[in-house]
N, C-alpha and C. Protein backbone atom coordinates (compact mmCIF):
# COMPACT_ATOMS: atom_id res chain seq x y z
N MET A 1 108.28 106.28 89.35
CA MET A 1 107.75 105.13 89.64
C MET A 1 107.05 104.82 88.34
N ARG A 2 107.13 103.42 87.87
CA ARG A 2 105.82 102.97 86.81
C ARG A 2 104.96 102.78 87.34
N PRO A 3 103.48 103.15 86.71
CA PRO A 3 102.19 102.62 87.65
C PRO A 3 102.14 101.12 87.26
N MET A 4 101.43 100.20 87.97
CA MET A 4 101.40 99.19 88.32
C MET A 4 100.53 98.74 86.46
N THR A 5 101.06 97.58 85.95
CA THR A 5 99.83 97.12 84.73
C THR A 5 99.68 95.95 84.90
N ASN A 6 98.83 95.30 83.99
CA ASN A 6 98.86 93.72 83.83
C ASN A 6 99.75 93.60 82.69
N ASN A 7 100.69 92.69 82.94
CA ASN A 7 101.54 92.36 81.84
C ASN A 7 101.56 91.21 81.13
N VAL A 8 100.47 91.18 79.86
CA VAL A 8 99.94 89.99 79.36
C VAL A 8 100.93 88.90 78.64
N SER A 9 102.11 89.92 78.53
CA SER A 9 103.28 89.34 78.13
C SER A 9 104.11 88.15 79.03
N ASN A 10 103.75 88.61 80.32
CA ASN A 10 104.18 87.80 81.03
C ASN A 10 103.47 87.23 82.30
N PRO A 11 102.99 86.34 82.06
CA PRO A 11 101.86 85.81 82.91
C PRO A 11 102.30 85.47 84.41
N GLN A 12 103.47 85.03 84.41
CA GLN A 12 103.86 84.97 85.87
C GLN A 12 103.90 85.96 86.72
N ARG A 13 103.90 87.37 85.99
CA ARG A 13 104.35 88.53 86.86
C ARG A 13 103.27 88.78 88.27
N LEU A 14 103.48 88.63 89.36
CA LEU A 14 102.94 88.90 90.65
C LEU A 14 102.07 90.32 90.64
N LEU A 15 101.01 90.16 90.47
CA LEU A 15 100.15 91.78 90.98
C LEU A 15 99.77 91.79 91.95
N LEU A 16 100.24 93.07 92.57
CA LEU A 16 99.97 93.40 94.20
C LEU A 16 98.86 94.30 93.75
N PRO A 17 97.70 94.35 94.99
CA PRO A 17 96.60 95.34 95.12
C PRO A 17 97.43 96.60 95.29
N PRO A 18 96.38 97.63 94.80
CA PRO A 18 97.14 99.19 94.79
C PRO A 18 97.55 99.61 96.26
N LEU A 19 98.80 100.08 96.31
CA LEU A 19 99.01 100.71 97.65
C LEU A 19 98.36 102.40 97.83
N LEU A 20 97.77 102.66 98.90
CA LEU A 20 97.05 103.70 99.54
C LEU A 20 98.04 104.58 100.17
N ASN A 21 97.80 106.09 100.11
CA ASN A 21 98.73 106.67 100.83
C ASN A 21 97.83 107.07 102.08
N GLU A 22 98.33 107.66 103.34
CA GLU A 22 97.57 107.95 104.46
C GLU A 22 96.27 108.91 104.19
N ARG A 23 96.49 109.90 102.83
CA ARG A 23 95.10 110.80 102.94
C ARG A 23 94.10 109.95 102.44
N GLU A 24 94.26 108.77 101.35
CA GLU A 24 93.33 107.91 100.99
C GLU A 24 92.82 106.83 101.81
N VAL A 25 93.59 106.42 102.83
CA VAL A 25 93.24 105.54 104.27
C VAL A 25 92.53 106.58 104.75
N ALA A 26 92.60 107.79 104.77
CA ALA A 26 91.88 108.47 106.02
C ALA A 26 90.13 108.22 105.45
N GLU A 27 90.55 108.87 103.97
CA GLU A 27 89.12 108.92 103.07
C GLU A 27 88.29 107.76 102.93
N MET A 28 89.06 106.41 102.84
CA MET A 28 88.41 105.26 103.08
C MET A 28 87.74 104.88 104.40
N THR A 29 88.05 105.44 104.97
CA THR A 29 87.93 104.87 106.86
C THR A 29 86.80 106.16 106.91
N GLY A 30 86.82 107.09 106.89
CA GLY A 30 85.86 108.43 107.27
C GLY A 30 86.82 109.12 108.26
N MET A 31 88.29 108.56 108.76
CA MET A 31 88.66 109.44 109.69
C MET A 31 89.72 110.67 109.10
N SER A 32 90.25 110.90 109.93
CA SER A 32 91.44 112.12 109.67
C SER A 32 92.50 111.59 109.36
N VAL A 33 93.79 112.00 108.87
CA VAL A 33 94.99 111.88 108.33
C VAL A 33 95.52 111.72 110.00
N ALA A 34 95.14 113.01 110.49
CA ALA A 34 96.14 112.63 112.27
C ALA A 34 95.86 111.35 112.56
N THR A 35 94.16 111.02 112.56
CA THR A 35 93.65 109.47 113.42
C THR A 35 94.71 108.30 112.86
N VAL A 36 94.65 108.37 111.04
CA VAL A 36 95.35 107.13 110.78
C VAL A 36 96.74 107.17 111.30
N ARG A 37 97.46 108.30 110.95
CA ARG A 37 98.52 107.97 111.67
C ARG A 37 98.79 107.96 113.16
N ARG A 38 98.11 108.45 114.05
CA ARG A 38 97.95 107.79 115.82
C ARG A 38 97.96 106.28 115.51
N TRP A 39 97.01 105.52 114.89
CA TRP A 39 96.73 104.27 114.89
C TRP A 39 97.93 103.71 114.34
N ARG A 40 98.69 104.17 113.49
CA ARG A 40 100.40 103.41 112.89
C ARG A 40 101.10 103.64 113.98
N LEU A 41 101.38 104.63 114.65
CA LEU A 41 102.04 104.88 115.69
C LEU A 41 101.73 103.83 117.00
N MET A 42 100.83 103.82 117.23
CA MET A 42 100.12 103.07 118.68
C MET A 42 100.26 101.57 118.21
N ALA A 43 100.35 101.45 117.07
CA ALA A 43 100.17 99.66 116.56
C ALA A 43 98.59 99.21 116.52
N LYS A 44 97.65 100.11 116.67
CA LYS A 44 96.30 99.84 116.51
C LYS A 44 95.35 99.61 115.08
N GLY A 45 96.10 100.61 113.96
CA GLY A 45 95.80 100.66 112.65
C GLY A 45 95.91 99.29 111.95
N PRO A 46 95.90 99.65 110.49
CA PRO A 46 96.32 98.49 109.91
C PRO A 46 97.45 98.41 109.18
N ARG A 47 97.90 97.26 108.89
CA ARG A 47 98.86 96.72 108.41
C ARG A 47 99.38 97.96 107.32
N TYR A 48 101.08 98.58 107.47
CA TYR A 48 101.73 99.14 106.41
C TYR A 48 102.91 98.51 106.04
N VAL A 49 103.18 99.49 104.92
CA VAL A 49 104.51 98.98 104.59
C VAL A 49 105.38 100.14 104.26
N LYS A 50 106.74 100.16 104.46
CA LYS A 50 107.50 101.63 104.07
C LYS A 50 107.98 101.33 102.52
N VAL A 51 108.10 102.21 102.02
CA VAL A 51 108.47 102.28 100.44
C VAL A 51 110.03 103.01 100.62
N GLY A 52 110.80 102.24 100.25
CA GLY A 52 111.93 103.18 100.08
C GLY A 52 112.34 103.37 101.63
N GLY A 53 112.00 102.84 102.81
CA GLY A 53 112.29 103.33 104.04
C GLY A 53 111.69 104.83 103.94
N VAL A 54 111.01 105.12 103.78
CA VAL A 54 110.11 106.55 104.35
C VAL A 54 108.63 106.74 103.69
N ALA A 55 108.36 106.38 102.85
CA ALA A 55 106.89 106.54 102.24
C ALA A 55 105.89 105.33 103.43
N VAL A 56 105.36 105.73 103.74
CA VAL A 56 104.41 104.61 104.15
C VAL A 56 102.93 104.40 103.27
N ARG A 57 102.89 103.42 103.09
CA ARG A 57 101.60 102.95 102.23
C ARG A 57 101.05 101.87 102.89
N TYR A 58 99.71 101.55 102.21
CA TYR A 58 98.61 100.35 102.94
C TYR A 58 98.38 99.86 101.44
N TYR A 59 98.56 98.58 101.69
CA TYR A 59 97.80 97.75 100.52
C TYR A 59 95.94 97.88 101.07
N SER A 60 95.37 98.11 99.79
CA SER A 60 93.98 98.20 100.11
C SER A 60 93.38 96.83 100.65
N THR A 61 93.71 95.93 100.44
CA THR A 61 93.18 94.41 100.80
C THR A 61 93.31 94.42 102.10
N ASP A 62 94.78 94.96 102.86
CA ASP A 62 94.57 95.07 104.22
C ASP A 62 93.90 96.06 105.05
N ILE A 63 93.71 97.14 104.15
CA ILE A 63 92.65 98.10 104.96
C ILE A 63 90.93 97.07 105.27
N GLU A 64 90.97 96.69 103.89
CA GLU A 64 89.55 96.10 104.06
C GLU A 64 89.36 94.88 105.05
N SER A 65 90.42 94.15 104.85
CA SER A 65 90.61 93.23 106.36
C SER A 65 90.46 93.89 107.55
N TRP A 66 91.14 95.02 107.62
CA TRP A 66 91.38 95.34 109.20
C TRP A 66 89.76 95.92 109.32
N LEU A 67 89.29 96.42 108.45
CA LEU A 67 87.93 96.92 109.02
C LEU A 67 87.31 95.95 109.10
N SER A 68 86.64 94.87 108.58
CA SER A 68 86.03 93.69 108.60
C SER A 68 86.58 93.24 110.17
N SER A 69 87.63 93.26 110.63
CA SER A 69 88.02 92.74 112.13
C SER A 69 88.06 93.40 113.64
N GLN A 70 87.12 95.22 112.90
CA GLN A 70 87.05 95.75 113.98
C GLN A 70 85.54 95.63 114.51
N PRO A 71 85.40 95.69 116.24
CA PRO A 71 83.99 95.74 116.54
C PRO A 71 83.04 96.18 115.60
N SER A 72 81.84 95.90 115.91
CA SER A 72 81.02 96.61 115.07
C SER A 72 79.67 96.57 116.47
N GLY A 73 78.90 97.76 116.28
CA GLY A 73 77.71 98.40 117.02
C GLY A 73 76.74 97.27 117.31
N GLY A 74 76.16 97.46 118.16
CA GLY A 74 75.28 96.11 118.86
C GLY A 74 75.38 94.80 118.95
N GLN A 75 76.89 94.56 119.41
CA GLN A 75 77.32 93.65 119.73
C GLN A 75 78.00 93.92 121.11
N ARG A 76 77.49 92.88 122.24
CA ARG A 76 77.52 93.56 123.59
C ARG A 76 78.73 92.44 123.95
N ILE A 77 79.81 92.87 124.27
CA ILE A 77 81.10 91.88 124.80
C ILE A 77 81.18 91.79 126.51
N GLU A 78 80.87 90.40 126.87
CA GLU A 78 80.61 89.83 128.36
C GLU A 78 82.46 90.16 128.86
N LYS A 79 82.47 90.51 129.95
CA LYS A 79 83.67 90.56 130.27
C LYS A 79 84.11 89.36 131.31
N VAL A 80 85.22 88.92 131.35
CA VAL A 80 85.19 87.96 132.12
C VAL A 80 85.91 88.45 133.71
N HIS A 81 85.50 87.87 134.40
CA HIS A 81 86.01 88.56 136.10
C HIS A 81 86.62 87.27 136.73
């Protein structure tokens, strides 16, 4: 697989954000690879793509969006009865 590069001679070429593997996502989130896999299997984690039907990869922008959407500390969510 060739690395993605900016093709100056073809300005219409679509440039996608870098793809990350499970280890890189684990490092980015501070979680273990097993946790990243569990999120995926439980459909609770960030969006992912399967490259070639086998390799699981994540767009860096999807990781950033997913992290931003997660609840943060200090906010109380009231339950509706």
